[in-house]
Amino acid sequence: MDLKFARVEIDAKPKKVDLAKLEASVEKEDSVIFYFDRENSHKDLLELQDYFEAKGKSFYMSEVKYGLSDNEYMYQVHIIN
């Protein structure tokens, strides 16, 4: 499963990350917050939630709006060991 991190610049393309890199970051820290781009499907993020919850981690996800337009949002994911 490949996910896309949130854009840093409006015109930039989002950077891709795979599940192994995310898992390595979670194992290194007790608490990790990731910001994912709106181009990710909600279904993929729910699969990510199922994956980490099956490993005994706490998973919290929310949409963060940063503008007035309907497509100006990102996903915030907080994973806790």
C-alpha atoms as a PDB file:
ATOM      1  CA  MET A   1       0.000   0.000   0.000  1.00  0.00           C
ATOM      2  CA  ASP A   2       1.426   3.351  -1.051  1.00  0.00           C
ATOM      3  CA  LEU A   3       0.118   6.527   0.530  1.00  0.00           C
ATOM      4  CA  LYS A   4       0.904  10.163  -0.229  1.00  0.00           C
ATOM      5  CA  PHE A   5       2.106  12.664   2.338  1.00  0.00           C
ATOM      6  CA  ALA A   6       0.438  16.074   2.400  1.00  0.00           C
ATOM      7  CA  ARG A   7       1.796  18.649  -0.025  1.00  0.00           C
ATOM      8  CA  VAL A   8       4.215  21.230   1.259  1.00  0.00           C
ATOM      9  CA  GLU A   9       3.518  23.617  -1.626  1.00  0.00           C
ATOM     10  CA  ILE A  10       0.167  24.037  -3.368  1.00  0.00           C
ATOM     11  CA  ASP A  11       1.652  23.389  -6.823  1.00  0.00           C
ATOM     12  CA  ALA A  12       3.913  20.528  -5.689  1.00  0.00           C
ATOM     13  CA  LYS A  13       3.071  16.879  -6.119  1.00  0.00           C
ATOM     14  CA  PRO A  14       2.628  14.833  -2.927  1.00  0.00           C
ATOM     15  CA  LYS A  15       5.466  12.488  -1.962  1.00  0.00           C
ATOM     16  CA  LYS A  16       4.720   8.768  -1.788  1.00  0.00           C
ATOM     17  CA  VAL A  17       5.505   6.575   1.202  1.00  0.00           C
ATOM     18  CA  ASP A  18       5.102   2.852   1.673  1.00  0.00           C
ATOM     19  CA  LEU A  19       3.823   0.955   4.679  1.00  0.00           C
ATOM     20  CA  ALA A  20       7.267  -0.301   5.727  1.00  0.00           C
ATOM     21  CA  LYS A  21       8.589   3.255   6.192  1.00  0.00           C
ATOM     22  CA  LEU A  22       5.521   4.265   8.185  1.00  0.00           C
ATOM     23  CA  GLU A  23       5.876   1.222  10.415  1.00  0.00           C
ATOM     24  CA  ALA A  24       9.570   1.946  11.004  1.00  0.00           C
ATOM     25  CA  SER A  25       8.701   5.497  12.127  1.00  0.00           C
ATOM     26  CA  VAL A  26       6.012   4.216  14.477  1.00  0.00           C
ATOM     27  CA  GLU A  27       8.350   1.650  16.045  1.00  0.00           C
ATOM     28  CA  LYS A  28      11.035   4.302  16.607  1.00  0.00           C
ATOM     29  CA  GLU A  29       8.757   6.745  18.464  1.00  0.00           C
ATOM     30  CA  ASP A  30       6.025   6.323  21.100  1.00  0.00           C
ATOM     31  CA  SER A  31       3.692   8.727  19.320  1.00  0.00           C
ATOM     32  CA  VAL A  32       3.731   9.761  15.652  1.00  0.00           C
ATOM     33  CA  ILE A  33       1.585  12.200  13.685  1.00  0.00           C
ATOM     34  CA  PHE A  34       1.414  11.958   9.885  1.00  0.00           C
ATOM     35  CA  TYR A  35      -0.331  14.294   7.454  1.00  0.00           C
ATOM     36  CA  PHE A  36      -1.631  12.644   4.289  1.00  0.00           C
ATOM     37  CA  ASP A  37      -2.771  14.291   1.081  1.00  0.00           C
ATOM     38  CA  ARG A  38      -6.391  14.487  -0.019  1.00  0.00           C
ATOM     39  CA  GLU A  39      -5.520  12.315  -3.046  1.00  0.00           C
ATOM     40  CA  ASN A  40      -5.398   9.263  -0.768  1.00  0.00           C
ATOM     41  CA  SER A  41      -8.575   7.249  -0.774  1.00  0.00           C
ATOM     42  CA  HIS A  42     -10.458   7.055   2.489  1.00  0.00           C
ATOM     43  CA  LYS A  43     -10.533   3.283   1.998  1.00  0.00           C
ATOM     44  CA  ASP A  44      -6.713   3.099   2.019  1.00  0.00           C
ATOM     45  CA  LEU A  45      -6.549   5.106   5.229  1.00  0.00           C
ATOM     46  CA  LEU A  46      -9.089   2.784   6.848  1.00  0.00           C
ATOM     47  CA  GLU A  47      -6.925  -0.173   5.787  1.00  0.00           C
ATOM     48  CA  LEU A  48      -3.969   1.589   7.427  1.00  0.00           C
ATOM     49  CA  GLN A  49      -6.051   1.951  10.581  1.00  0.00           C
ATOM     50  CA  ASP A  50      -6.942  -1.752  10.575  1.00  0.00           C
ATOM     51  CA  TYR A  51      -3.290  -2.676  10.074  1.00  0.00           C
ATOM     52  CA  PHE A  52      -1.991  -0.680  13.053  1.00  0.00           C
ATOM     53  CA  GLU A  53      -4.900  -1.562  15.334  1.00  0.00           C
ATOM     54  CA  ALA A  54      -4.239  -5.258  14.620  1.00  0.00           C
ATOM     55  CA  LYS A  55      -0.711  -4.645  15.931  1.00  0.00           C
ATOM     56  CA  GLY A  56      -2.120  -3.201  19.182  1.00  0.00           C
ATOM     57  CA  LYS A  57      -1.555   0.487  18.374  1.00  0.00           C
ATOM     58  CA  SER A  58      -4.032   3.307  18.974  1.00  0.00           C
ATOM     59  CA  PHE A  59      -5.022   5.072  15.753  1.00  0.00           C
ATOM     60  CA  TYR A  60      -6.798   8.418  15.436  1.00  0.00           C
ATOM     61  CA  MET A  61      -7.678  10.011  12.096  1.00  0.00           C
ATOM     62  CA  SER A  62      -9.327  13.315  11.239  1.00  0.00           C
ATOM     63  CA  GLU A  63      -9.725  15.690   8.306  1.00  0.00           C
ATOM     64  CA  VAL A  64      -7.968  19.034   8.642  1.00  0.00           C
ATOM     65  CA  LYS A  65      -9.330  21.885   6.527  1.00  0.00           C
ATOM     66  CA  TYR A  66      -6.823  24.605   5.670  1.00  0.00           C
ATOM     67  CA  GLY A  67      -8.926  26.718   3.305  1.00  0.00           C
ATOM     68  CA  LEU A  68     -12.473  27.648   2.362  1.00  0.00           C
ATOM     69  CA  SER A  69     -12.726  25.404  -0.689  1.00  0.00           C
ATOM     70  CA  ASP A  70     -14.129  21.883  -0.355  1.00  0.00           C
ATOM     71  CA  ASN A  71     -10.936  20.333  -1.722  1.00  0.00           C
ATOM     72  CA  GLU A  72      -8.577  22.145   0.655  1.00  0.00           C
ATOM     73  CA  TYR A  73      -8.105  19.497   3.293  1.00  0.00           C
ATOM     74  CA  MET A  74      -5.680  16.811   4.420  1.00  0.00           C
ATOM     75  CA  TYR A  75      -5.858  13.810   6.709  1.00  0.00           C
ATOM     76  CA  GLN A  76      -4.182  13.874  10.095  1.00  0.00           C
ATOM     77  CA  VAL A  77      -3.249  10.461  11.474  1.00  0.00           C
ATOM     78  CA  HIS A  78      -1.979  10.015  15.031  1.00  0.00           C
ATOM     79  CA  ILE A  79      -0.570   6.586  15.943  1.00  0.00           C
ATOM     80  CA  ILE A  80       0.326   5.799  19.538  1.00  0.00           C
ATOM     81  CA  ASN A  81       2.210   2.715  20.824  1.00  0.00           C
END
